[in-house]
Amino acid sequence: DDDEVADAVRLLRSHGMRERYQYERLGYNFRLSDLHAAIGICQLDRLPKSAMRRAANAERLSQKITSVRVPRVRQGCAHAWHQYTIRVDRNRDRDAANAQLNAAGIGTGIFYPAPVHMFPHIVEAAGVFELPVAERLSREVISIPVHPKVSEADIDRIVEEVNRL
């Protein structure tokens, strides 16, 4: 019967997010139905093949993209490649580059539109402070497809469009 409590609980169950990627407080996501758990168990069998395909896609992207900065993996380290995030030059408009890729039919994501220290719940807890590198990077990054269903032909097309930036 308390709208304020109901609103707070909704925020908590959705990672503290009211709108997509707009975090107001620290939250969690523990939602998993029995059906989803069963599907997850079955998906575990596919994980090694899926991970290898993601890695192959990422390697192909990294070898062929020349117009922007690509992710690097330090020697002796491994990467899950759940995302493949490129960095446009700081003198280029990231949103324009993103729009150009979208117009060419390349699905993209901007998963880091603002650095964590600027989320309202962090500002409330820690105050306002600057992290200039994080702030700059949040304006430069775009994620492009790397998932296992992306074919080599798709990767080549993605590379072609990214290299036009």
Foldseek 3Di string as FASTA:
>chain_A
DDPVVVVVVVCQQVQCDPDQLQHAAGHHHPDDDPVNVVVVVVCVVVQVVFQVLLVVLLVLLCVQADQWAWDDDDPPDDDSNPWTKTFHPLVDFQVVLQVQCVVVVWDKDLNQLDDPCPRNRNCVVPNDDDDPVRRSRSRTMMTTDRGNVQDPVNSVSSSVSNNVD
